[in-house]
Amino acid sequence: MKPTHILAALLAVITWGINFVVIKIGLQGLPPVLFTASRFIFSALPLIFFVPLPKTSWKWVVAYGMFQFAFQFTLLFCGIKLGFPAGLASLVMQLQAFITMGLAVVIMGEKPQFVQVLGALIALSGMALVAMHLEAQATIIGFLLVVAGAVCWSIANIVTKKIGVVNPLSMVVWGSAIASPPLLLASYMMEGMDAWQAAYAQLNWTSIGAIAYQSYPNTIVGFGIWSWLMRKYPAATIAPFTLLVPVVGMVTASIVLNETLFWWKICAGLLVLGGLACNQFGLRIWSWFKPAATT
């Protein structure tokens, strides 16, 4: 990857890492599905009046909007609302990197290297460590919802690769617009008008700021960069960058939300980072130890 592309990927994952704390703060004043709907309404507005339609089939735009935005974030927000810690959510969501690699093998015919598979196994052992330390029933349900959100993100990654070359900003804006109506309907049916009225009555600058951060830097900038990189490079190269998200998410949650960094959280994070290092640099390091070819 070019250095500028690596920096772009890092900008996206840092933005996403901070976002998990923003989600936790926003959920204090907003019901989860309404919060998700609000995010994508403002991701679409006002840009939808200035950004042209994506030059691709509508079926891909709908699939992208529903899996990348509506399904993924409804599941994630509900999981955090049920008490799953924001820092850990940032870690568990990175299952998408390995699910994406598996789907890319089955659907796209991509062939990951041995070190990439080894990196996935190392990082998955970190996820297993997280699962072993969950006790409360609500937290376990929250964990499963976050895992389901990661699956939706993985499907969206494959959809992005299937779409081909389109304007990433147009995909994000129109995908957000497609996600918004079903999210509003789901919020009305699941949370009810009373929840909407309560959210409006206690609306403050904290809630507004959470929606704004979700809508613009996190969605427009983050997913715009991500869509561009996913089309430009193999999924096995790009997807593991998101494993840096939990580093940012867990540290930020510890500072802002006072979430305790237990030993197992630190170990799980180190395993995930080890998996990323193996995935990204394993082939290069392995080549240093191979004997030079003789002529």
Protein backbone atom coordinates (compact mmCIF):
# COMPACT_ATOMS: atom_id res chain seq x y z
CA MET A 1 0.00 0.00 0.00
CA LYS A 2 1.09 3.57 -0.65
CA PRO A 3 1.93 5.62 2.49
CA THR A 4 -0.91 8.05 1.78
CA HIS A 5 -3.36 5.15 1.54
CA ILE A 6 -2.11 3.73 4.85
CA LEU A 7 -2.64 7.16 6.46
CA ALA A 8 -6.16 7.31 5.00
CA ALA A 9 -6.94 3.88 6.48
CA LEU A 10 -5.58 5.00 9.86
CA LEU A 11 -7.75 8.16 9.77
CA ALA A 12 -10.83 6.01 9.19
CA VAL A 13 -10.09 3.54 11.98
CA ILE A 14 -9.20 6.25 14.53
CA THR A 15 -12.48 8.00 13.75
CA TRP A 16 -14.32 4.70 14.20
CA GLY A 17 -12.50 3.88 17.43
CA ILE A 18 -13.56 7.14 19.08
CA ASN A 19 -17.07 6.54 17.78
CA PHE A 20 -17.79 3.71 20.24
CA VAL A 21 -17.53 6.14 23.14
CA VAL A 22 -19.74 8.58 21.23
CA ILE A 23 -22.34 5.80 20.80
CA LYS A 24 -22.35 5.06 24.52
CA ILE A 25 -22.81 8.77 25.34
CA GLY A 26 -25.53 9.24 22.71
CA LEU A 27 -27.51 6.25 23.97
CA GLN A 28 -27.93 7.96 27.33
CA GLY A 29 -30.52 10.26 25.78
CA LEU A 30 -31.69 8.43 22.65
CA PRO A 31 -33.28 4.99 22.05
CA PRO A 32 -30.94 2.85 19.91
CA VAL A 33 -32.95 2.44 16.70
CA LEU A 34 -34.01 6.11 16.65
CA PHE A 35 -30.38 7.07 17.28
CA THR A 36 -29.34 4.91 14.31
CA ALA A 37 -32.04 6.43 12.09
CA SER A 38 -31.07 9.98 13.08
CA ARG A 39 -27.46 9.27 12.22
CA PHE A 40 -28.24 8.23 8.65
CA ILE A 41 -30.87 10.88 8.02
CA PHE A 42 -28.23 13.53 8.63
CA SER A 43 -25.58 11.55 6.76
CA ALA A 44 -27.84 11.84 3.71
CA LEU A 45 -28.91 15.45 4.29
CA PRO A 46 -28.15 17.89 2.78
CA LEU A 47 -25.55 16.12 0.60
CA ILE A 48 -28.13 14.04 -1.26
CA PHE A 49 -29.22 17.21 -3.10
CA PHE A 50 -25.68 17.71 -4.45
CA VAL A 51 -24.26 14.19 -4.86
CA PRO A 52 -25.31 12.21 -7.98
CA LEU A 53 -26.70 8.69 -7.87
CA PRO A 54 -24.06 5.93 -7.79
CA LYS A 55 -23.36 4.55 -11.25
CA THR A 56 -24.30 0.99 -10.42
CA SER A 57 -27.34 -1.25 -10.07
CA TRP A 58 -29.91 -0.22 -7.48
CA LYS A 59 -29.78 -3.70 -5.95
CA TRP A 60 -26.18 -3.07 -4.87
CA VAL A 61 -26.97 0.36 -3.46
CA VAL A 62 -29.87 -1.09 -1.45
CA ALA A 63 -27.74 -4.01 -0.23
CA TYR A 64 -24.95 -1.63 0.76
CA GLY A 65 -27.29 0.73 2.62
CA MET A 66 -29.03 -2.04 4.52
CA PHE A 67 -26.03 -4.16 5.53
CA GLN A 68 -23.39 -1.44 5.95
CA PHE A 69 -25.68 0.96 7.76
CA ALA A 70 -29.16 -0.18 8.83
CA PHE A 71 -28.50 -3.73 10.02
CA GLN A 72 -24.95 -3.32 11.29
CA PHE A 73 -25.54 -0.27 13.44
CA THR A 74 -28.96 -1.21 14.75
CA LEU A 75 -27.43 -4.43 16.10
CA LEU A 76 -24.38 -2.61 17.45
CA PHE A 77 -26.36 0.16 19.16
CA CYS A 78 -28.78 -2.34 20.71
CA GLY A 79 -25.88 -4.44 21.97
CA ILE A 80 -24.27 -1.46 23.69
CA LYS A 81 -27.65 -0.31 25.03
CA LEU A 82 -28.01 -3.72 26.71
CA GLY A 83 -24.83 -3.05 28.62
CA PHE A 84 -22.05 -4.45 26.48
CA PRO A 85 -19.02 -2.18 27.15
CA ALA A 86 -18.13 0.31 24.41
CA GLY A 87 -14.44 -0.57 24.49
CA LEU A 88 -15.14 -4.29 24.12
CA ALA A 89 -17.67 -3.61 21.37
CA SER A 90 -14.91 -1.91 19.39
CA LEU A 91 -12.89 -5.13 19.74
CA VAL A 92 -15.65 -7.63 18.95
CA MET A 93 -16.74 -5.74 15.82
CA GLN A 94 -13.35 -6.56 14.33
CA LEU A 95 -14.53 -10.09 13.73
CA GLN A 96 -15.64 -8.56 10.43
CA ALA A 97 -12.04 -8.63 9.20
CA PHE A 98 -11.90 -12.41 9.34
CA ILE A 99 -15.48 -13.02 8.23
CA THR A 100 -14.73 -10.74 5.26
CA MET A 101 -11.64 -12.81 4.41
CA GLY A 102 -13.70 -16.01 4.52
CA LEU A 103 -16.49 -14.58 2.37
CA ALA A 104 -13.92 -13.21 -0.10
CA VAL A 105 -12.50 -16.72 -0.49
CA VAL A 106 -15.93 -18.28 -1.09
CA ILE A 107 -17.53 -15.53 -3.18
CA MET A 108 -14.66 -13.59 -4.78
CA GLY A 109 -12.17 -16.42 -5.20
CA GLU A 110 -9.44 -14.58 -3.28
CA LYS A 111 -6.70 -16.75 -1.80
CA PRO A 112 -5.32 -15.58 1.56
CA GLN A 113 -1.72 -16.45 2.41
CA PHE A 114 -0.83 -18.83 5.24
CA VAL A 115 0.32 -15.95 7.46
CA GLN A 116 -3.02 -14.20 6.95
CA VAL A 117 -4.87 -17.31 8.12
CA LEU A 118 -2.46 -17.60 11.06
CA GLY A 119 -3.12 -13.94 11.92
CA ALA A 120 -6.86 -14.60 11.87
CA LEU A 121 -6.48 -17.52 14.27
CA ILE A 122 -4.35 -15.46 16.66
CA ALA A 123 -6.88 -12.63 16.70
CA LEU A 124 -9.80 -15.03 17.08
CA SER A 125 -8.18 -16.40 20.22
CA GLY A 126 -8.48 -12.84 21.59
CA MET A 127 -12.19 -12.88 20.79
CA ALA A 128 -12.53 -16.23 22.58
CA LEU A 129 -10.91 -14.67 25.65
CA VAL A 130 -13.56 -11.93 25.63
CA ALA A 131 -16.38 -14.46 25.34
CA MET A 132 -15.01 -16.46 28.29
CA HIS A 133 -15.27 -13.46 30.63
CA LEU A 134 -18.89 -12.49 29.92
CA GLU A 135 -21.24 -13.28 32.80
CA ALA A 136 -24.43 -11.20 32.89
CA GLN A 137 -27.20 -12.46 30.59
CA ALA A 138 -27.83 -8.99 29.15
CA THR A 139 -24.12 -8.63 28.40
CA ILE A 140 -24.07 -12.01 26.64
CA ILE A 141 -27.07 -11.00 24.51
CA GLY A 142 -25.33 -7.70 23.81
CA PHE A 143 -22.21 -9.61 22.77
CA LEU A 144 -24.22 -11.75 20.34
CA LEU A 145 -25.87 -8.66 18.85
CA VAL A 146 -22.47 -7.03 18.31
CA VAL A 147 -21.20 -10.21 16.65
CA ALA A 148 -24.24 -10.15 14.34
CA GLY A 149 -23.38 -6.54 13.52
CA ALA A 150 -19.87 -7.66 12.55
CA VAL A 151 -21.37 -10.25 10.19
CA CYS A 152 -23.43 -7.50 8.50
CA TRP A 153 -20.30 -5.36 8.08
CA SER A 154 -18.55 -8.32 6.43
CA ILE A 155 -21.39 -8.80 3.96
CA ALA A 156 -21.27 -5.06 3.20
CA ASN A 157 -17.53 -5.35 2.46
CA ILE A 158 -18.21 -8.01 -0.15
CA VAL A 159 -21.04 -5.91 -1.61
CA THR A 160 -18.59 -3.01 -1.90
CA LYS A 161 -16.17 -5.16 -3.87
CA LYS A 162 -18.99 -6.46 -6.10
CA ILE A 163 -20.09 -2.92 -6.91
CA GLY A 164 -16.78 -2.03 -8.56
CA VAL A 165 -15.60 1.49 -9.26
CA VAL A 166 -18.13 4.13 -8.17
CA ASN A 167 -17.92 7.43 -6.35
CA PRO A 168 -17.49 6.43 -2.66
CA LEU A 169 -19.21 9.60 -1.42
CA SER A 170 -22.27 8.89 -3.55
CA MET A 171 -22.45 5.34 -2.16
CA VAL A 172 -22.31 6.55 1.43
CA VAL A 173 -24.84 9.35 0.94
CA TRP A 174 -27.37 7.31 -1.05
CA GLY A 175 -26.81 4.24 1.12
CA SER A 176 -27.63 6.40 4.15
CA ALA A 177 -30.78 7.67 2.44
CA ILE A 178 -31.92 4.11 1.69
CA ALA A 179 -31.27 3.00 5.28
CA SER A 180 -33.20 5.86 6.88
CA PRO A 181 -36.89 5.07 6.09
CA PRO A 182 -36.80 1.41 7.25
CA LEU A 183 -34.90 2.48 10.37
CA LEU A 184 -37.54 5.09 11.20
CA LEU A 185 -40.29 2.53 10.66
CA ALA A 186 -38.47 -0.01 12.83
CA SER A 187 -37.98 2.59 15.57
CA TYR A 188 -41.67 3.50 15.51
CA MET A 189 -42.75 -0.13 15.69
CA MET A 190 -40.18 -1.29 18.27
CA GLU A 191 -39.68 1.80 20.44
CA GLY A 192 -42.94 3.66 19.92
CA MET A 193 -44.03 7.27 19.80
CA ASP A 194 -43.57 7.64 23.56
CA ALA A 195 -39.84 6.98 23.18
CA TRP A 196 -39.66 9.58 20.40
CA GLN A 197 -41.42 12.16 22.56
CA ALA A 198 -39.16 11.40 25.53
CA ALA A 199 -36.05 11.73 23.35
CA TYR A 200 -37.28 15.08 22.01
CA ALA A 201 -38.13 16.34 25.51
CA GLN A 202 -34.62 15.65 26.82
CA LEU A 203 -32.73 16.54 23.65
CA ASN A 204 -29.55 18.45 24.51
CA TRP A 205 -26.25 19.44 22.95
CA THR A 206 -24.67 16.15 23.97
CA SER A 207 -27.22 14.16 21.95
CA ILE A 208 -26.96 16.58 19.03
CA GLY A 209 -23.16 16.34 19.10
CA ALA A 210 -23.32 12.53 19.17
CA ILE A 211 -25.60 12.47 16.12
CA ALA A 212 -23.38 15.00 14.30
CA TYR A 213 -20.21 12.98 14.96
CA GLN A 214 -21.97 9.80 13.85
CA SER A 215 -23.28 11.43 10.69
CA TYR A 216 -20.33 13.35 9.31
CA PRO A 217 -16.78 12.37 10.36
CA ASN A 218 -17.74 8.80 11.21
CA THR A 219 -20.08 7.99 8.30
CA ILE A 220 -19.21 10.39 5.47
CA VAL A 221 -15.43 10.51 6.00
CA GLY A 222 -14.84 7.08 7.54
CA PHE A 223 -16.98 4.97 5.24
CA GLY A 224 -16.08 7.07 2.20
CA ILE A 225 -12.41 6.24 2.75
CA TRP A 226 -13.24 2.61 3.56
CA SER A 227 -15.32 2.05 0.40
CA TRP A 228 -12.54 3.55 -1.72
CA LEU A 229 -9.84 1.34 -0.17
CA MET A 230 -11.94 -1.85 -0.28
CA ARG A 231 -12.30 -1.45 -4.05
CA LYS A 232 -8.62 -0.64 -4.54
CA TYR A 233 -7.02 -3.49 -2.57
CA PRO A 234 -7.78 -7.15 -1.74
CA ALA A 235 -10.11 -7.63 1.22
CA ALA A 236 -7.39 -9.52 3.14
CA THR A 237 -5.15 -6.42 2.91
CA ILE A 238 -7.67 -3.76 3.96
CA ALA A 239 -10.03 -5.48 6.39
CA PRO A 240 -7.34 -6.13 9.06
CA PHE A 241 -6.68 -2.39 9.45
CA THR A 242 -9.88 -2.20 11.45
CA LEU A 243 -8.19 -4.29 14.12
CA LEU A 244 -6.64 -1.00 15.25
CA VAL A 245 -10.13 0.27 16.06
CA PRO A 246 -10.26 -1.52 19.44
CA VAL A 247 -6.97 0.02 20.51
CA VAL A 248 -8.46 3.48 20.06
CA GLY A 249 -11.86 2.37 21.35
CA MET A 250 -10.63 0.70 24.54
CA VAL A 251 -8.20 3.47 25.45
CA THR A 252 -10.80 6.17 24.77
CA ALA A 253 -13.46 4.26 26.77
CA SER A 254 -11.02 3.91 29.66
CA ILE A 255 -10.29 7.66 29.68
CA VAL A 256 -13.77 9.04 28.98
CA LEU A 257 -16.10 6.37 30.40
CA ASN A 258 -13.81 4.99 33.13
CA GLU A 259 -14.16 1.46 31.76
CA THR A 260 -11.68 -0.73 33.64
CA LEU A 261 -8.91 -2.27 31.55
CA PHE A 262 -8.88 -5.73 33.13
CA TRP A 263 -5.92 -8.00 32.37
CA TRP A 264 -8.01 -10.12 30.01
CA LYS A 265 -9.10 -7.07 28.02
CA ILE A 266 -5.45 -6.08 27.57
CA CYS A 267 -4.49 -9.65 26.61
CA ALA A 268 -7.38 -9.86 24.15
CA GLY A 269 -6.33 -6.55 22.60
CA LEU A 270 -2.71 -7.72 22.29
CA LEU A 271 -3.83 -10.93 20.61
CA VAL A 272 -5.90 -8.97 18.12
CA LEU A 273 -2.98 -6.62 17.40
CA GLY A 274 -0.71 -9.64 17.04
CA GLY A 275 -3.10 -11.06 14.48
CA LEU A 276 -3.03 -7.78 12.57
CA ALA A 277 0.77 -7.66 12.62
CA CYS A 278 0.95 -11.24 11.35
CA ASN A 279 -1.56 -10.48 8.60
CA GLN A 280 0.11 -7.28 7.43
CA PHE A 281 3.81 -7.99 7.90
CA GLY A 282 4.11 -11.78 8.21
CA LEU A 283 5.12 -12.42 4.60
CA ARG A 284 7.76 -9.69 4.71
CA ILE A 285 9.23 -10.95 7.97
CA TRP A 286 9.15 -14.56 6.78
CA SER A 287 11.11 -13.59 3.64
CA TRP A 288 13.97 -12.30 5.81
CA PHE A 289 14.54 -15.81 7.18
CA LYS A 290 14.29 -17.65 3.88
CA PRO A 291 17.67 -18.52 2.35
CA ALA A 292 18.65 -16.39 -0.60
CA ALA A 293 18.16 -18.02 -3.96
CA THR A 294 21.35 -19.39 -5.48
CA THR A 295 22.20 -19.36 -9.16
